Amino acid sequence: MADLQPWDFQQFTPAGKKETAKAYRVFRVYLELGSNRTIKTAAEIAGEKHDVCKVMSSRYNWTERTALYDAHMVSLWGKQVR
């Protein structure tokens, strides 16, 4: 089984808070927006309230997780270019 990555569903966070399926669904929308990602846009696409998504973003570290995902993707892209 592969190691759990920061952008995967977080069964348990360091703070001991289980990520909900709803939070992960909106996170995936946010993640897949790429360089144009905003919480507001993710909330609109997912049909969720912006304020609720801001709380989920903070609670489940969306900014850090997406930065790690972006760095990982750049690394993979760099390996393909070589």
Protein backbone atom coordinates (compact mmCIF):
# COMPACT_ATOMS: atom_id res chain seq x y z
CA MET A 1 0.00 0.00 0.00
CA ALA A 2 1.31 3.45 -0.89
CA ASP A 3 2.17 5.99 1.77
CA LEU A 4 -0.49 8.51 2.61
CA GLN A 5 0.26 11.83 0.94
CA PRO A 6 -0.80 15.21 2.38
CA TRP A 7 -3.29 15.70 -0.46
CA ASP A 8 -4.95 12.33 0.19
CA PHE A 9 -8.00 11.89 2.41
CA GLN A 10 -6.79 12.54 5.95
CA GLN A 11 -8.34 9.95 8.19
CA PHE A 12 -6.71 11.70 11.14
CA THR A 13 -4.99 15.07 11.19
CA PRO A 14 -2.13 15.97 13.54
CA ALA A 15 -4.65 17.82 15.69
CA GLY A 16 -6.65 14.59 15.96
CA LYS A 17 -9.56 15.88 13.89
CA LYS A 18 -10.92 13.42 11.35
CA GLU A 19 -11.37 15.00 7.93
CA THR A 20 -14.96 14.62 6.77
CA ALA A 21 -15.91 13.31 3.35
CA LYS A 22 -17.57 16.67 2.64
CA ALA A 23 -14.41 18.58 3.55
CA TYR A 24 -12.29 16.30 1.39
CA ARG A 25 -14.69 16.64 -1.55
CA VAL A 26 -14.39 20.44 -1.45
CA PHE A 27 -10.62 20.18 -0.90
CA ARG A 28 -10.32 18.11 -4.08
CA VAL A 29 -12.22 20.78 -6.01
CA TYR A 30 -9.88 23.40 -4.52
CA LEU A 31 -6.80 21.31 -5.32
CA GLU A 32 -7.80 20.72 -8.92
CA LEU A 33 -8.33 24.43 -9.59
CA GLY A 34 -4.55 24.70 -9.91
CA SER A 35 -2.89 28.09 -9.93
CA ASN A 36 -6.28 29.83 -10.07
CA ARG A 37 -7.54 28.20 -6.87
CA THR A 38 -9.50 30.18 -4.35
CA ILE A 39 -11.70 29.02 -1.52
CA LYS A 40 -14.53 31.10 -2.93
CA THR A 41 -14.36 29.41 -6.34
CA ALA A 42 -14.10 25.94 -4.79
CA ALA A 43 -17.12 26.68 -2.60
CA GLU A 44 -19.16 27.85 -5.58
CA ILE A 45 -18.27 24.79 -7.68
CA ALA A 46 -18.93 22.42 -4.78
CA GLY A 47 -22.20 24.15 -3.87
CA GLU A 48 -21.05 24.91 -0.34
CA LYS A 49 -21.04 28.10 1.72
CA HIS A 50 -17.88 30.16 1.46
CA ASP A 51 -17.62 30.70 5.23
CA VAL A 52 -17.90 26.97 5.89
CA CYS A 53 -15.18 26.26 3.34
CA LYS A 54 -12.89 28.87 4.95
CA VAL A 55 -13.22 27.01 8.25
CA MET A 56 -12.55 23.64 6.57
CA SER A 57 -9.52 25.14 4.79
CA SER A 58 -8.02 26.29 8.05
CA ARG A 59 -8.91 23.15 10.01
CA TYR A 60 -7.50 20.76 7.39
CA ASN A 61 -4.51 22.82 6.21
CA TRP A 62 -5.52 23.23 2.58
CA THR A 63 -2.84 25.82 1.82
CA GLU A 64 -0.01 23.62 3.06
CA ARG A 65 -1.44 20.48 1.45
CA THR A 66 -1.89 22.13 -1.95
CA ALA A 67 1.63 23.60 -1.81
CA LEU A 68 3.02 20.11 -1.18
CA TYR A 69 0.90 18.72 -4.01
CA ASP A 70 2.07 21.45 -6.40
CA ALA A 71 5.71 20.82 -5.49
CA HIS A 72 5.22 17.09 -6.03
CA MET A 73 3.67 17.67 -9.45
CA VAL A 74 6.51 19.99 -10.49
CA SER A 75 8.98 17.33 -9.37
CA LEU A 76 7.21 14.69 -11.47
CA TRP A 77 7.08 17.02 -14.44
CA GLY A 78 10.80 17.71 -14.09
CA LYS A 79 11.56 13.98 -14.16
CA GLN A 80 9.52 13.58 -17.36
CA VAL A 81 11.36 16.42 -19.09
CA ARG A 82 14.81 14.99 -18.43
